[in-house]
């Protein structure tokens, strides 16, 4: 049995969506985004106390990119994955891991807007810088997706899952206006049943609203 340890609206949603796309049986253990992730029992599964953690064949795994590669190699090497020697292998790896480039900026903004409880702790400058960096990521996606339906010419893959979930988080802080190819692709991938199944219930949401605007920088 596969067990995914998951917090809604975090990077572990990436692994949850992929598991739904793979169509394999699995269980989900859901955690609040709090100090429960520092409990000794959880640290045995994820040494840094972060989600996702995945139990597979009696082994505890963490890091979404590694989990993606291992699940695709095991269950869908030619469809959701691209095996070694495949002509699209290099680009598959690039885009699977580009998800983390987007996610690091979304995580910084999640800290600013959600995790820091007092306004005095927050930085309007960091908010603006990180939102602009998400825009740079959108521009990279726009260049790749112009003339393509998916990130790879061979069709939908786990690269679209990884980046699609990262964009799902990033859209809480930076709109897709002006990136038409990205918006069209995002509409395609999020129409899939696997994405919809990975969405949080209303009472599980980490984000209290759909969009957080950067604060104005004081004069």
Protein backbone atom coordinates (compact mmCIF):
# COMPACT_ATOMS: atom_id res chain seq x y z
CA UNK A 1 0.00 0.00 0.00
CA UNK A 2 1.10 3.54 -0.78
CA UNK A 3 0.54 6.12 1.95
CA UNK A 4 0.86 9.84 1.30
CA UNK A 5 1.35 12.20 4.23
CA UNK A 6 -0.24 15.45 3.11
CA UNK A 7 -1.14 19.01 4.06
CA UNK A 8 -3.79 20.63 1.85
CA UNK A 9 -2.64 23.49 -0.41
CA UNK A 10 1.05 22.70 0.04
CA UNK A 11 3.63 20.98 -2.17
CA UNK A 12 2.22 17.60 -1.18
CA UNK A 13 -0.80 18.38 -3.37
CA UNK A 14 1.61 17.73 -6.27
CA UNK A 15 2.10 14.13 -5.16
CA UNK A 16 -1.60 13.71 -4.44
CA UNK A 17 -2.56 14.87 -7.94
CA UNK A 18 0.02 12.55 -9.49
CA UNK A 19 -1.29 9.57 -7.52
CA UNK A 20 -4.79 10.28 -8.80
CA UNK A 21 -3.47 10.48 -12.37
CA UNK A 22 -1.64 7.17 -11.94
CA UNK A 23 -4.84 5.47 -10.80
CA UNK A 24 -3.05 3.32 -8.22
CA UNK A 25 -4.52 2.50 -4.79
CA UNK A 26 -3.23 4.70 -2.00
CA UNK A 27 -4.12 6.12 1.39
CA UNK A 28 -3.81 9.73 2.54
CA UNK A 29 -2.94 10.87 6.06
CA UNK A 30 -3.79 14.57 6.36
CA UNK A 31 -2.04 16.96 8.73
CA UNK A 32 -2.65 20.53 9.75
CA UNK A 33 0.05 22.97 8.65
CA UNK A 34 1.42 23.28 12.17
CA UNK A 35 3.84 21.82 14.72
CA UNK A 36 2.40 18.33 14.26
CA UNK A 37 4.92 18.03 11.43
CA UNK A 38 7.68 18.21 14.04
CA UNK A 39 6.39 15.19 15.97
CA UNK A 40 8.99 12.38 16.28
CA UNK A 41 6.74 9.91 14.46
CA UNK A 42 6.49 12.20 11.44
CA UNK A 43 10.19 13.08 11.49
CA UNK A 44 10.91 9.39 10.98
CA UNK A 45 9.18 9.71 7.60
CA UNK A 46 10.41 13.17 6.58
CA UNK A 47 13.66 14.21 8.24
CA UNK A 48 13.07 17.94 7.81
CA UNK A 49 9.49 17.73 9.05
CA UNK A 50 7.91 18.73 5.75
CA UNK A 51 5.29 17.33 3.43
CA UNK A 52 4.99 15.33 1.35
CA UNK A 53 6.21 12.12 2.83
CA UNK A 54 5.39 8.96 0.93
CA UNK A 55 5.53 5.41 2.21
CA UNK A 56 6.25 3.00 -0.65
CA UNK A 57 7.39 -0.60 -0.32
CA UNK A 58 8.17 -0.10 3.34
CA UNK A 59 10.42 2.89 2.67
CA UNK A 60 9.66 6.49 3.60
CA UNK A 61 10.42 9.01 0.86
CA UNK A 62 10.34 12.81 0.72
CA UNK A 63 10.97 15.60 -1.82
CA UNK A 64 8.34 16.00 -4.52
CA UNK A 65 10.71 15.73 -7.46
CA UNK A 66 12.13 12.44 -6.22
CA UNK A 67 8.64 11.12 -5.43
CA UNK A 68 7.49 12.06 -8.93
CA UNK A 69 10.40 10.32 -10.61
CA UNK A 70 10.03 7.16 -8.53
CA UNK A 71 6.25 6.88 -8.98
CA UNK A 72 6.48 7.41 -12.72
CA UNK A 73 9.30 4.89 -13.10
CA UNK A 74 7.25 2.35 -11.18
CA UNK A 75 3.75 2.89 -12.55
CA UNK A 76 3.79 4.95 -15.78
CA UNK A 77 7.26 5.27 -17.30
CA UNK A 78 6.09 5.90 -20.87
CA UNK A 79 2.94 7.98 -20.32
CA UNK A 80 3.26 10.22 -17.27
CA UNK A 81 7.01 9.69 -17.14
CA UNK A 82 9.76 9.65 -19.72
CA UNK A 83 12.29 6.85 -19.13
CA UNK A 84 16.06 7.07 -19.53
CA UNK A 85 16.89 7.08 -23.22
CA UNK A 86 13.58 8.63 -24.23
CA UNK A 87 13.89 11.62 -26.55
CA UNK A 88 11.93 13.80 -24.12
CA UNK A 89 13.66 12.63 -20.95
CA UNK A 90 15.81 15.74 -20.53
CA UNK A 91 12.94 18.18 -20.98
CA UNK A 92 10.72 16.07 -18.71
CA UNK A 93 13.30 16.36 -15.93
CA UNK A 94 13.76 20.08 -16.50
CA UNK A 95 10.07 20.86 -16.14
CA UNK A 96 9.37 18.41 -13.32
CA UNK A 97 12.02 20.21 -11.29
CA UNK A 98 11.16 23.72 -12.52
CA UNK A 99 8.08 23.33 -10.33
CA UNK A 100 10.33 23.94 -7.33
CA UNK A 101 11.62 27.19 -8.81
CA UNK A 102 8.05 28.47 -8.88
CA UNK A 103 7.20 26.95 -5.51
CA UNK A 104 10.05 28.62 -3.63
CA UNK A 105 8.61 32.03 -4.53
CA UNK A 106 5.06 30.94 -3.67
CA UNK A 107 6.36 29.59 -0.35
CA UNK A 108 8.03 32.92 0.46
CA UNK A 109 4.75 34.69 -0.22
CA UNK A 110 2.79 32.15 1.79
CA UNK A 111 5.05 33.01 4.71
CA UNK A 112 4.49 36.73 4.21
CA UNK A 113 0.72 36.62 3.79
CA UNK A 114 -0.33 33.55 5.78
CA UNK A 115 2.27 32.25 8.23
CA UNK A 116 3.37 35.57 9.73
CA UNK A 117 0.51 36.59 11.98
CA UNK A 118 1.51 40.17 12.81
CA UNK A 119 1.62 42.91 10.18
CA UNK A 120 4.86 44.25 11.63
CA UNK A 121 6.58 40.97 10.72
CA UNK A 122 5.67 41.28 7.04
CA UNK A 123 7.68 43.01 4.34
CA UNK A 124 6.01 44.83 1.42
CA UNK A 125 9.37 44.78 -0.39
CA UNK A 126 9.64 40.97 -0.12
CA UNK A 127 6.02 40.66 -1.29
CA UNK A 128 6.69 42.72 -4.42
CA UNK A 129 10.01 41.05 -5.21
CA UNK A 130 8.66 37.52 -4.87
CA UNK A 131 5.52 38.29 -6.88
CA UNK A 132 7.76 39.72 -9.64
CA UNK A 133 9.86 36.56 -9.56
CA UNK A 134 6.73 34.49 -10.10
CA UNK A 135 6.09 36.68 -13.13
CA UNK A 136 9.52 35.73 -14.46
CA UNK A 137 8.56 32.07 -14.05
CA UNK A 138 5.32 32.67 -15.94
CA UNK A 139 7.36 34.27 -18.73
CA UNK A 140 9.53 31.15 -18.96
CA UNK A 141 6.41 29.00 -19.17
CA UNK A 142 4.93 31.31 -21.79
CA UNK A 143 8.01 30.82 -23.96
CA UNK A 144 7.81 27.05 -23.60
CA UNK A 145 4.05 26.73 -24.10
CA UNK A 146 3.64 29.03 -27.09
CA UNK A 147 2.51 26.65 -29.83
CA UNK A 148 2.18 23.70 -27.44
CA UNK A 149 -0.77 22.19 -25.58
CA UNK A 150 1.46 20.69 -22.89
CA UNK A 151 5.01 21.12 -21.68
CA UNK A 152 6.19 18.18 -23.78
CA UNK A 153 5.36 17.57 -27.42
CA UNK A 154 4.47 13.97 -26.58
CA UNK A 155 1.47 15.08 -24.54
CA UNK A 156 0.35 15.43 -20.94
CA UNK A 157 2.84 14.11 -18.40
CA UNK A 158 3.90 14.40 -14.78
CA UNK A 159 5.78 17.54 -15.78
CA UNK A 160 2.40 19.21 -16.30
CA UNK A 161 1.25 17.91 -12.91
CA UNK A 162 4.32 19.26 -11.14
CA UNK A 163 4.28 22.67 -12.77
CA UNK A 164 0.49 22.87 -12.78
CA UNK A 165 0.35 22.47 -9.03
CA UNK A 166 3.09 25.06 -8.56
CA UNK A 167 1.13 27.52 -10.69
CA UNK A 168 -2.03 26.71 -8.71
CA UNK A 169 -0.21 27.96 -5.60
CA UNK A 170 1.49 30.86 -7.38
CA UNK A 171 -1.85 32.19 -8.66
CA UNK A 172 -2.70 33.14 -5.10
CA UNK A 173 -0.06 35.87 -5.46
CA UNK A 174 0.41 36.66 -9.18
CA UNK A 175 -2.28 36.65 -11.87
CA UNK A 176 -1.87 34.99 -15.27
CA UNK A 177 -3.09 38.01 -17.23
CA UNK A 178 -0.72 38.68 -20.14
CA UNK A 179 0.42 35.05 -20.31
CA UNK A 180 -2.18 33.66 -22.69
CA UNK A 181 -0.43 30.39 -23.52
CA UNK A 182 0.12 29.67 -19.83
CA UNK A 183 -3.49 30.47 -18.99
CA UNK A 184 -4.77 28.18 -21.75
CA UNK A 185 -2.49 25.35 -20.63
CA UNK A 186 -3.46 25.89 -17.00
CA UNK A 187 -7.11 25.62 -17.95
CA UNK A 188 -6.46 22.32 -19.71
CA UNK A 189 -4.51 20.67 -16.90
CA UNK A 190 -6.82 21.84 -14.13
CA UNK A 191 -9.87 20.51 -15.96
CA UNK A 192 -8.55 17.01 -15.35
CA UNK A 193 -10.26 14.78 -12.81
CA UNK A 194 -6.93 14.15 -11.06
CA UNK A 195 -6.47 17.83 -10.30
CA UNK A 196 -10.02 18.24 -9.05
CA UNK A 197 -9.63 15.22 -6.77
CA UNK A 198 -6.51 16.78 -5.22
CA UNK A 199 -8.21 20.06 -4.32
CA UNK A 200 -8.82 20.72 -0.62
CA UNK A 201 -12.23 20.67 0.97
CA UNK A 202 -13.43 24.11 2.04
CA UNK A 203 -12.62 23.43 5.69
CA UNK A 204 -9.11 22.19 4.79
CA UNK A 205 -7.89 25.30 2.96
CA UNK A 206 -4.61 26.82 4.08
CA UNK A 207 -5.35 30.05 2.20
CA UNK A 208 -8.30 32.02 3.50
CA UNK A 209 -8.72 33.80 0.15
CA UNK A 210 -7.99 33.17 -3.50
CA UNK A 211 -5.63 36.10 -4.05
CA UNK A 212 -3.23 38.09 -1.86
CA UNK A 213 -2.03 41.36 -3.37
CA UNK A 214 1.42 42.67 -2.58
CA UNK A 215 1.31 45.64 -0.23
CA UNK A 216 2.33 49.05 -1.44
CA UNK A 217 5.91 49.91 -0.54
CA UNK A 218 5.87 52.97 1.75
CA UNK A 219 7.46 56.15 0.44
